Amino acid sequence: MAESQATRLRRLRRRTQEIRDAIYAMGYVCPGSLHTRTKVCGKAACRCATDENARHGPYHDWAVYADRRLTHRIVTKEQAELLAAAIKNLRELQRLTAEWSEASTDEILGLTPPG
């Protein structure tokens, strides 16, 4: 049996409220990507030249576009942890807003009688 228009409307409104609640509960949001790496210093006498486990670092590099240019910034371990969570939150925010938009469109177009 087909879902009634009122039932469908309640379901869509409940889902959009869940989306708004999820967005409200988020902490930081941030664009970019985060990379962690180690480095070889180039000194022949340094252990890093022969031992992969003795490389310098880890270094955390945050990359983001600013003014249409890719910029990089070395960040601390603590900042990297916060940035990783914020980048993940932004991706979830984008997914949720796309779902919210789709639900809103369904509600507007699917529930409004043609006229």
N, C-alpha and C. Protein backbone atom coordinates (compact mmCIF):
# COMPACT_ATOMS: atom_id res chain seq x y z
N MET A 1 0.85 -1.19 0.00
CA MET A 1 0.00 0.00 0.00
C MET A 1 0.88 1.24 0.00
N ALA A 2 0.53 2.20 -0.79
CA ALA A 2 1.31 3.42 -0.92
C ALA A 2 1.22 4.25 0.36
N GLU A 3 2.30 4.90 0.66
CA GLU A 3 2.38 5.76 1.83
C GLU A 3 1.54 7.02 1.58
N SER A 4 0.77 7.42 2.59
CA SER A 4 -0.05 8.62 2.41
C SER A 4 0.84 9.85 2.36
N GLN A 5 0.29 10.90 1.80
CA GLN A 5 1.05 12.14 1.67
C GLN A 5 1.41 12.68 3.05
N ALA A 6 0.50 12.61 4.01
CA ALA A 6 0.77 13.11 5.35
C ALA A 6 1.87 12.29 6.03
N THR A 7 1.84 10.98 5.84
CA THR A 7 2.86 10.11 6.44
C THR A 7 4.22 10.41 5.83
N ARG A 8 4.24 10.58 4.52
CA ARG A 8 5.49 10.88 3.83
C ARG A 8 6.05 12.23 4.29
N LEU A 9 5.17 13.20 4.44
CA LEU A 9 5.59 14.52 4.91
C LEU A 9 6.20 14.42 6.31
N ARG A 10 5.57 13.69 7.21
CA ARG A 10 6.09 13.52 8.57
C ARG A 10 7.47 12.84 8.53
N ARG A 11 7.62 11.82 7.69
CA ARG A 11 8.88 11.10 7.57
C ARG A 11 9.97 12.02 7.06
N LEU A 12 9.67 12.81 6.03
CA LEU A 12 10.66 13.74 5.48
C LEU A 12 11.04 14.82 6.49
N ARG A 13 10.07 15.34 7.20
CA ARG A 13 10.36 16.37 8.20
C ARG A 13 11.17 15.81 9.37
N ARG A 14 10.87 14.58 9.75
CA ARG A 14 11.63 13.93 10.82
C ARG A 14 13.09 13.75 10.38
N ARG A 15 13.29 13.33 9.12
CA ARG A 15 14.65 13.13 8.62
C ARG A 15 15.40 14.44 8.52
N THR A 16 14.76 15.50 8.06
CA THR A 16 15.45 16.79 7.98
C THR A 16 15.79 17.31 9.38
N GLN A 17 14.95 17.02 10.36
CA GLN A 17 15.27 17.42 11.74
C GLN A 17 16.47 16.63 12.25
N GLU A 18 16.55 15.35 11.93
CA GLU A 18 17.71 14.53 12.30
C GLU A 18 18.98 15.09 11.68
N ILE A 19 18.89 15.53 10.44
CA ILE A 19 20.04 16.11 9.76
C ILE A 19 20.47 17.40 10.45
N ARG A 20 19.51 18.27 10.76
CA ARG A 20 19.83 19.52 11.46
C ARG A 20 20.46 19.24 12.82
N ASP A 21 19.96 18.25 13.54
CA ASP A 21 20.53 17.89 14.84
C ASP A 21 21.97 17.40 14.70
N ALA A 22 22.23 16.59 13.67
CA ALA A 22 23.59 16.07 13.43
C ALA A 22 24.54 17.22 13.10
N ILE A 23 24.08 18.17 12.31
CA ILE A 23 24.91 19.32 11.96
C ILE A 23 25.19 20.17 13.19
N TYR A 24 24.17 20.39 14.00
CA TYR A 24 24.32 21.21 15.20
C TYR A 24 25.32 20.58 16.18
N ALA A 25 25.39 19.25 16.22
CA ALA A 25 26.26 18.55 17.16
C ALA A 25 27.73 18.54 16.73
N MET A 26 28.01 18.95 15.49
CA MET A 26 29.39 18.93 15.00
C MET A 26 30.23 19.97 15.71
N GLY A 27 31.52 19.66 15.80
CA GLY A 27 32.49 20.62 16.31
C GLY A 27 33.04 21.44 15.17
N TYR A 28 34.36 21.45 15.07
CA TYR A 28 35.02 22.20 14.01
C TYR A 28 34.75 21.58 12.63
N VAL A 29 34.73 22.42 11.61
CA VAL A 29 34.73 21.96 10.22
C VAL A 29 35.84 22.73 9.49
N CYS A 30 36.52 22.01 8.63
CA CYS A 30 37.68 22.61 7.99
C CYS A 30 37.95 21.93 6.66
N PRO A 31 38.32 22.69 5.62
CA PRO A 31 38.68 22.07 4.35
C PRO A 31 40.14 21.62 4.37
N GLY A 32 40.51 20.89 3.34
CA GLY A 32 41.91 20.54 3.16
C GLY A 32 42.17 19.07 3.33
N SER A 33 43.45 18.74 3.35
CA SER A 33 43.87 17.36 3.58
C SER A 33 45.09 17.38 4.49
N LEU A 34 45.31 16.27 5.13
CA LEU A 34 46.37 16.18 6.12
C LEU A 34 47.28 15.01 5.75
N HIS A 35 48.57 15.25 5.78
CA HIS A 35 49.54 14.21 5.46
C HIS A 35 50.57 14.14 6.59
N THR A 36 50.96 12.93 6.94
CA THR A 36 51.99 12.73 7.94
C THR A 36 53.15 12.00 7.27
N ARG A 37 54.35 12.50 7.49
CA ARG A 37 55.50 11.89 6.84
C ARG A 37 56.74 12.04 7.71
N THR A 38 57.76 11.27 7.34
CA THR A 38 59.07 11.38 7.95
C THR A 38 60.05 11.82 6.86
N LYS A 39 61.21 12.32 7.28
CA LYS A 39 62.16 12.86 6.30
C LYS A 39 63.58 12.35 6.55
N VAL A 40 64.33 12.34 5.46
CA VAL A 40 65.77 12.09 5.50
C VAL A 40 66.43 13.46 5.41
N CYS A 41 67.38 13.74 6.32
CA CYS A 41 67.94 15.10 6.37
C CYS A 41 69.01 15.36 5.30
N GLY A 42 69.64 14.32 4.79
CA GLY A 42 70.64 14.52 3.75
C GLY A 42 72.07 14.47 4.25
N LYS A 43 72.28 14.43 5.56
CA LYS A 43 73.64 14.33 6.12
C LYS A 43 74.07 12.86 6.04
N ALA A 44 75.21 12.63 5.43
CA ALA A 44 75.68 11.25 5.24
C ALA A 44 75.93 10.53 6.55
N ALA A 45 76.33 11.25 7.58
CA ALA A 45 76.65 10.62 8.87
C ALA A 45 75.42 10.39 9.75
N CYS A 46 74.27 10.90 9.34
CA CYS A 46 73.06 10.76 10.15
C CYS A 46 72.47 9.36 9.98
N ARG A 47 71.93 8.82 11.06
CA ARG A 47 71.33 7.49 11.01
C ARG A 47 70.17 7.41 10.02
N CYS A 48 69.50 8.51 9.78
CA CYS A 48 68.34 8.50 8.87
C CYS A 48 68.73 8.13 7.44
N ALA A 49 70.01 8.28 7.11
CA ALA A 49 70.47 7.96 5.75
C ALA A 49 70.45 6.47 5.48
N THR A 50 70.61 5.66 6.53
CA THR A 50 70.68 4.20 6.33
C THR A 50 69.58 3.43 7.03
N ASP A 51 68.97 4.05 8.03
CA ASP A 51 67.94 3.35 8.81
C ASP A 51 66.59 4.03 8.62
N GLU A 52 65.68 3.34 7.95
CA GLU A 52 64.35 3.91 7.67
C GLU A 52 63.59 4.24 8.96
N ASN A 53 63.82 3.48 10.01
CA ASN A 53 63.14 3.72 11.29
C ASN A 53 63.73 4.91 12.05
N ALA A 54 64.87 5.44 11.59
CA ALA A 54 65.51 6.58 12.27
C ALA A 54 65.25 7.89 11.55
N ARG A 55 64.34 7.89 10.61
CA ARG A 55 64.04 9.14 9.90
C ARG A 55 63.49 10.19 10.85
N HIS A 56 63.62 11.43 10.44
CA HIS A 56 63.18 12.55 11.27
C HIS A 56 61.67 12.75 11.13
N GLY A 57 61.05 13.09 12.22
CA GLY A 57 59.61 13.32 12.19
C GLY A 57 58.91 12.43 13.19
N PRO A 58 57.65 12.25 13.10
CA PRO A 58 56.79 12.58 11.97
C PRO A 58 56.44 14.07 11.91
N TYR A 59 56.25 14.52 10.69
CA TYR A 59 55.82 15.89 10.42
C TYR A 59 54.40 15.82 9.86
N HIS A 60 53.57 16.72 10.34
CA HIS A 60 52.16 16.76 9.91
C HIS A 60 51.99 17.99 9.02
N ASP A 61 51.53 17.75 7.81
CA ASP A 61 51.39 18.80 6.80
C ASP A 61 49.91 18.94 6.43
N TRP A 62 49.39 20.14 6.62
CA TRP A 62 47.99 20.43 6.25
C TRP A 62 48.02 21.21 4.95
N ALA A 63 47.30 20.72 3.96
CA ALA A 63 47.23 21.37 2.65
C ALA A 63 45.81 21.87 2.42
N VAL A 64 45.70 23.11 1.95
CA VAL A 64 44.38 23.70 1.69
C VAL A 64 44.52 24.76 0.60
N TYR A 65 43.46 24.91 -0.19
CA TYR A 65 43.44 25.97 -1.20
C TYR A 65 43.04 27.28 -0.54
N ALA A 66 43.85 28.31 -0.79
CA ALA A 66 43.55 29.66 -0.31
C ALA A 66 43.85 30.60 -1.47
N ASP A 67 42.89 31.42 -1.83
CA ASP A 67 43.03 32.34 -2.97
C ASP A 67 43.45 31.59 -4.23
N ARG A 68 42.80 30.45 -4.47
CA ARG A 68 43.02 29.61 -5.65
C ARG A 68 44.43 29.03 -5.74
N ARG A 69 45.14 29.01 -4.61
CA ARG A 69 46.48 28.43 -4.57
C ARG A 69 46.52 27.38 -3.47
N LEU A 70 47.21 26.29 -3.75
CA LEU A 70 47.39 25.25 -2.75
C LEU A 70 48.49 25.69 -1.80
N THR A 71 48.15 25.77 -0.53
CA THR A 71 49.13 26.16 0.48
C THR A 71 49.34 24.99 1.44
N HIS A 72 50.53 24.93 2.00
CA HIS A 72 50.88 23.88 2.95
C HIS A 72 51.32 24.53 4.24
N ARG A 73 51.04 23.86 5.32
CA ARG A 73 51.45 24.36 6.62
C ARG A 73 51.81 23.18 7.51
N ILE A 74 52.95 23.24 8.16
CA ILE A 74 53.33 22.22 9.12
C ILE A 74 52.58 22.53 10.41
N VAL A 75 51.94 21.52 10.97
CA VAL A 75 51.16 21.69 12.19
C VAL A 75 51.64 20.70 13.25
N THR A 76 51.31 20.98 14.50
CA THR A 76 51.69 20.09 15.59
C THR A 76 50.81 18.84 15.57
N LYS A 77 51.22 17.86 16.35
CA LYS A 77 50.43 16.62 16.44
C LYS A 77 49.02 16.92 16.95
N GLU A 78 48.90 17.79 17.94
CA GLU A 78 47.60 18.15 18.50
C GLU A 78 46.73 18.86 17.46
N GLN A 79 47.34 19.79 16.73
CA GLN A 79 46.61 20.48 15.66
C GLN A 79 46.20 19.50 14.57
N ALA A 80 47.08 18.54 14.25
CA ALA A 80 46.77 17.55 13.22
C ALA A 80 45.57 16.70 13.63
N GLU A 81 45.48 16.34 14.89
CA GLU A 81 44.34 15.55 15.36
C GLU A 81 43.04 16.34 15.24
N LEU A 82 43.08 17.63 15.62
CA LEU A 82 41.89 18.49 15.49
C LEU A 82 41.53 18.71 14.03
N LEU A 83 42.53 18.94 13.19
CA LEU A 83 42.28 19.14 11.76
C LEU A 83 41.69 17.89 11.12
N ALA A 84 42.20 16.72 11.48
CA ALA A 84 41.67 15.47 10.92
C ALA A 84 40.19 15.33 11.24
N ALA A 85 39.81 15.62 12.48
CA ALA A 85 38.40 15.55 12.86
C ALA A 85 37.58 16.61 12.13
N ALA A 86 38.13 17.82 11.99
CA ALA A 86 37.41 18.91 11.32
C ALA A 86 37.23 18.63 9.83
N ILE A 87 38.22 18.02 9.18
CA ILE A 87 38.11 17.66 7.76
C ILE A 87 37.05 16.58 7.60
N LYS A 88 37.05 15.61 8.49
CA LYS A 88 36.03 14.55 8.46
C LYS A 88 34.64 15.16 8.67
N ASN A 89 34.53 16.11 9.60
CA ASN A 89 33.25 16.77 9.85
C ASN A 89 32.76 17.54 8.62
N LEU A 90 33.67 18.22 7.92
CA LEU A 90 33.26 18.97 6.73
C LEU A 90 32.70 18.02 5.67
N ARG A 91 33.36 16.88 5.48
CA ARG A 91 32.86 15.92 4.49
C ARG A 91 31.49 15.39 4.89
N GLU A 92 31.29 15.15 6.18
CA GLU A 92 29.98 14.69 6.65
C GLU A 92 28.95 15.80 6.50
N LEU A 93 29.33 17.04 6.78
CA LEU A 93 28.44 18.18 6.59
C LEU A 93 28.00 18.29 5.14
N GLN A 94 28.93 18.12 4.22
CA GLN A 94 28.59 18.18 2.80
C GLN A 94 27.63 17.06 2.41
N ARG A 95 27.85 15.87 2.95
CA ARG A 95 26.96 14.75 2.67
C ARG A 95 25.56 15.02 3.24
N LEU A 96 25.52 15.53 4.47
CA LEU A 96 24.23 15.81 5.11
C LEU A 96 23.46 16.92 4.41
N THR A 97 24.16 17.98 3.99
CA THR A 97 23.45 19.06 3.31
C THR A 97 22.92 18.61 1.95
N ALA A 98 23.64 17.72 1.28
CA ALA A 98 23.14 17.17 0.01
C ALA A 98 21.88 16.35 0.27
N GLU A 99 21.88 15.56 1.33
CA GLU A 99 20.70 14.77 1.68
C GLU A 99 19.54 15.68 2.08
N TRP A 100 19.84 16.74 2.82
CA TRP A 100 18.82 17.70 3.25
C TRP A 100 18.20 18.36 2.02
N SER A 101 19.04 18.75 1.07
CA SER A 101 18.55 19.37 -0.15
C SER A 101 17.64 18.42 -0.92
N GLU A 102 18.04 17.17 -1.03
CA GLU A 102 17.23 16.19 -1.74
C GLU A 102 15.89 15.97 -1.04
N ALA A 103 15.92 15.87 0.29
CA ALA A 103 14.67 15.69 1.04
C ALA A 103 13.77 16.91 0.90
N SER A 104 14.37 18.10 0.90
CA SER A 104 13.58 19.32 0.74
C SER A 104 12.93 19.37 -0.64
N THR A 105 13.70 19.00 -1.66
CA THR A 105 13.17 18.98 -3.02
C THR A 105 12.03 17.97 -3.13
N ASP A 106 12.23 16.79 -2.53
CA ASP A 106 11.16 15.77 -2.53
C ASP A 106 9.90 16.32 -1.87
N GLU A 107 10.11 17.02 -0.76
CA GLU A 107 8.96 17.56 -0.04
C GLU A 107 8.25 18.62 -0.86
N ILE A 108 9.01 19.52 -1.45
CA ILE A 108 8.41 20.62 -2.21
C ILE A 108 7.72 20.10 -3.47
N LEU A 109 8.41 19.28 -4.23
CA LEU A 109 7.86 18.83 -5.50
C LEU A 109 6.93 17.63 -5.38
N GLY A 110 7.23 16.76 -4.45
CA GLY A 110 6.45 15.54 -4.34
C GLY A 110 5.18 15.67 -3.54
N LEU A 111 5.11 16.68 -2.70
CA LEU A 111 3.96 16.79 -1.81
C LEU A 111 3.05 17.96 -2.16
N THR A 112 3.52 18.82 -3.03
CA THR A 112 2.69 19.95 -3.42
C THR A 112 1.78 19.52 -4.58
N PRO A 113 0.48 19.70 -4.43
CA PRO A 113 -0.40 19.31 -5.53
C PRO A 113 -0.11 20.15 -6.76
N PRO A 114 -0.11 19.52 -7.95
CA PRO A 114 0.13 20.29 -9.17
C PRO A 114 -0.94 21.37 -9.34
N GLY A 115 -0.52 22.45 -9.82
CA GLY A 115 -1.53 23.50 -9.96
C GLY A 115 -1.15 24.50 -10.90
